[in-house]
Protein backbone atom coordinates (compact mmCIF):
# COMPACT_ATOMS: atom_id res chain seq x y z
CA MET A 1 -0.07 -214.75 -104.47
CA SER A 2 2.34 -217.30 -103.05
CA PRO A 3 1.85 -221.01 -103.87
CA ALA A 4 0.95 -221.73 -100.23
CA ALA A 5 -1.66 -218.98 -100.28
CA SER A 6 -3.56 -220.80 -103.02
CA HIS A 7 -3.82 -223.88 -100.75
CA ARG A 8 -5.23 -222.06 -97.76
CA PRO A 9 -8.63 -223.27 -96.57
CA ALA A 10 -11.74 -221.09 -96.66
CA ASP A 11 -12.22 -221.64 -92.90
CA PRO A 12 -10.82 -219.02 -90.53
CA LEU A 13 -7.34 -219.70 -89.23
CA ARG A 14 -6.33 -219.45 -85.58
CA PRO A 15 -4.01 -216.45 -84.97
CA MET A 16 -1.21 -216.94 -82.44
CA LEU A 17 2.34 -215.95 -81.58
CA VAL A 18 4.75 -218.82 -82.16
CA SER A 19 8.30 -219.42 -81.04
CA LEU A 20 10.68 -220.30 -83.85
CA THR A 21 11.70 -223.37 -81.85
CA ALA A 22 8.16 -224.79 -82.34
CA LEU A 23 8.54 -224.78 -86.13
CA ILE A 24 9.29 -227.68 -88.42
CA ALA A 25 10.71 -227.24 -91.91
CA GLU A 26 12.62 -229.54 -94.20
CA HIS A 27 16.32 -229.00 -93.52
CA ASP A 28 17.54 -228.49 -97.09
CA ALA A 29 14.72 -226.13 -98.05
CA MET A 30 15.19 -223.93 -94.98
CA GLN A 31 18.98 -223.93 -95.31
CA GLU A 32 18.64 -222.84 -98.95
CA VAL A 33 16.43 -219.92 -97.89
CA LEU A 34 18.93 -218.89 -95.19
CA ASP A 35 21.86 -219.14 -97.60
CA SER A 36 20.08 -217.02 -100.20
CA ALA A 37 19.76 -214.06 -97.80
CA ARG A 38 16.85 -212.86 -99.94
CA ASP A 39 14.44 -210.53 -98.19
CA SER A 40 10.82 -211.52 -97.75
CA ASP A 41 8.30 -210.10 -100.22
CA THR A 42 5.78 -209.90 -97.36
CA PRO A 43 7.81 -209.07 -94.22
CA HIS A 44 4.84 -208.11 -92.04
CA ALA A 45 2.50 -210.96 -92.97
CA PRO A 46 1.97 -213.71 -90.41
CA LEU A 47 3.46 -217.14 -90.94
CA TYR A 48 1.11 -219.86 -92.19
CA LEU A 49 1.41 -223.05 -90.14
CA LYS A 50 -0.06 -226.53 -89.93
CA PRO A 51 -0.04 -228.54 -86.69
CA ARG A 52 1.97 -231.76 -86.55
CA ALA A 53 -0.27 -234.69 -85.56
CA ASP A 54 2.75 -236.67 -84.34
CA MET A 55 4.48 -233.84 -82.43
CA VAL A 56 2.28 -231.98 -79.94
CA GLY A 57 2.99 -228.25 -79.88
CA ARG A 58 5.00 -228.28 -83.12
CA PHE A 59 3.96 -226.71 -86.42
CA GLU A 60 4.98 -227.18 -90.04
CA LEU A 61 6.00 -223.98 -91.76
CA ALA A 62 3.74 -223.93 -94.81
CA ASP A 63 4.38 -220.31 -95.82
CA GLY A 64 6.86 -217.75 -94.49
CA HIS A 65 10.30 -219.33 -94.87
CA HIS A 66 11.92 -215.99 -95.85
CA ARG A 67 10.19 -214.19 -92.94
CA VAL A 68 11.58 -216.82 -90.56
CA ALA A 69 15.06 -216.48 -92.08
CA ALA A 70 14.91 -212.69 -91.63
CA ALA A 71 13.79 -213.17 -88.02
CA LEU A 72 16.68 -215.56 -87.34
CA ARG A 73 19.16 -213.11 -88.86
CA SER A 74 17.84 -210.27 -86.69
CA GLY A 75 17.52 -212.25 -83.45
CA ILE A 76 13.71 -212.29 -83.33
CA THR A 77 12.46 -215.54 -81.79
CA VAL A 78 8.65 -215.11 -81.75
CA LEU A 79 6.50 -214.30 -84.77
CA PRO A 80 2.78 -213.91 -85.48
CA ALA A 81 1.20 -216.86 -87.26
CA LEU A 82 -2.05 -218.24 -88.58
CA VAL A 83 -2.57 -221.91 -87.76
CA GLU A 84 -4.85 -224.37 -89.54
CA ASP A 85 -6.94 -226.68 -87.37
CA GLN A 86 -6.00 -229.83 -89.30
CA PRO A 87 -2.51 -231.29 -89.82
CA ASP A 88 -1.06 -231.65 -93.31
CA ASP A 89 -2.03 -234.89 -95.06
CA GLU A 90 1.55 -235.09 -96.42
CA PRO A 91 3.74 -233.99 -93.49
CA TYR A 92 7.40 -233.03 -93.87
CA GLN A 93 9.84 -235.89 -93.47
CA PRO A 94 13.21 -235.75 -91.68
CA PRO A 95 15.79 -234.39 -91.72
CA PHE A 96 14.24 -231.29 -90.17
CA PHE A 97 15.90 -227.90 -89.85
CA ASP A 98 17.09 -227.28 -86.26
CA PHE A 99 15.49 -223.93 -85.37
CA THR A 100 16.67 -224.20 -81.75
CA ALA A 101 20.33 -224.41 -82.80
CA ALA A 102 19.90 -221.66 -85.41
CA ALA A 103 18.28 -219.30 -82.90
CA SER A 104 21.00 -220.07 -80.36
CA ALA A 105 23.79 -219.50 -82.90
CA THR A 106 22.25 -216.18 -83.94
CA ALA A 107 21.95 -215.06 -80.32
CA THR A 108 25.59 -215.99 -79.67
CA ALA A 109 26.78 -214.17 -82.80
CA ARG A 110 24.87 -211.01 -81.80
CA ARG A 111 26.66 -210.77 -78.42
């Protein structure tokens, strides 16, 4: 079980499809995952997200960093996710990873 899985609430989570550009992750952590090029241990599992109270329509990536990295590398821009109803009580702080730029760079490289 992943560390994030042990923090999941007992309440049902809201399933949705999410664009990678709606995600928020700490820059250094996400860049490290991308640089590692390690495959996900759970490639077909949905992402686990928490809404940002201060950024409407944006979600913190709580679990699924390697799945997102694999999606970026393959040009996939929308992934299934489970979203908590409540925001994180300790939200990520800037600098944030720029998913919009990463998705755009991947799309350009694939042409």
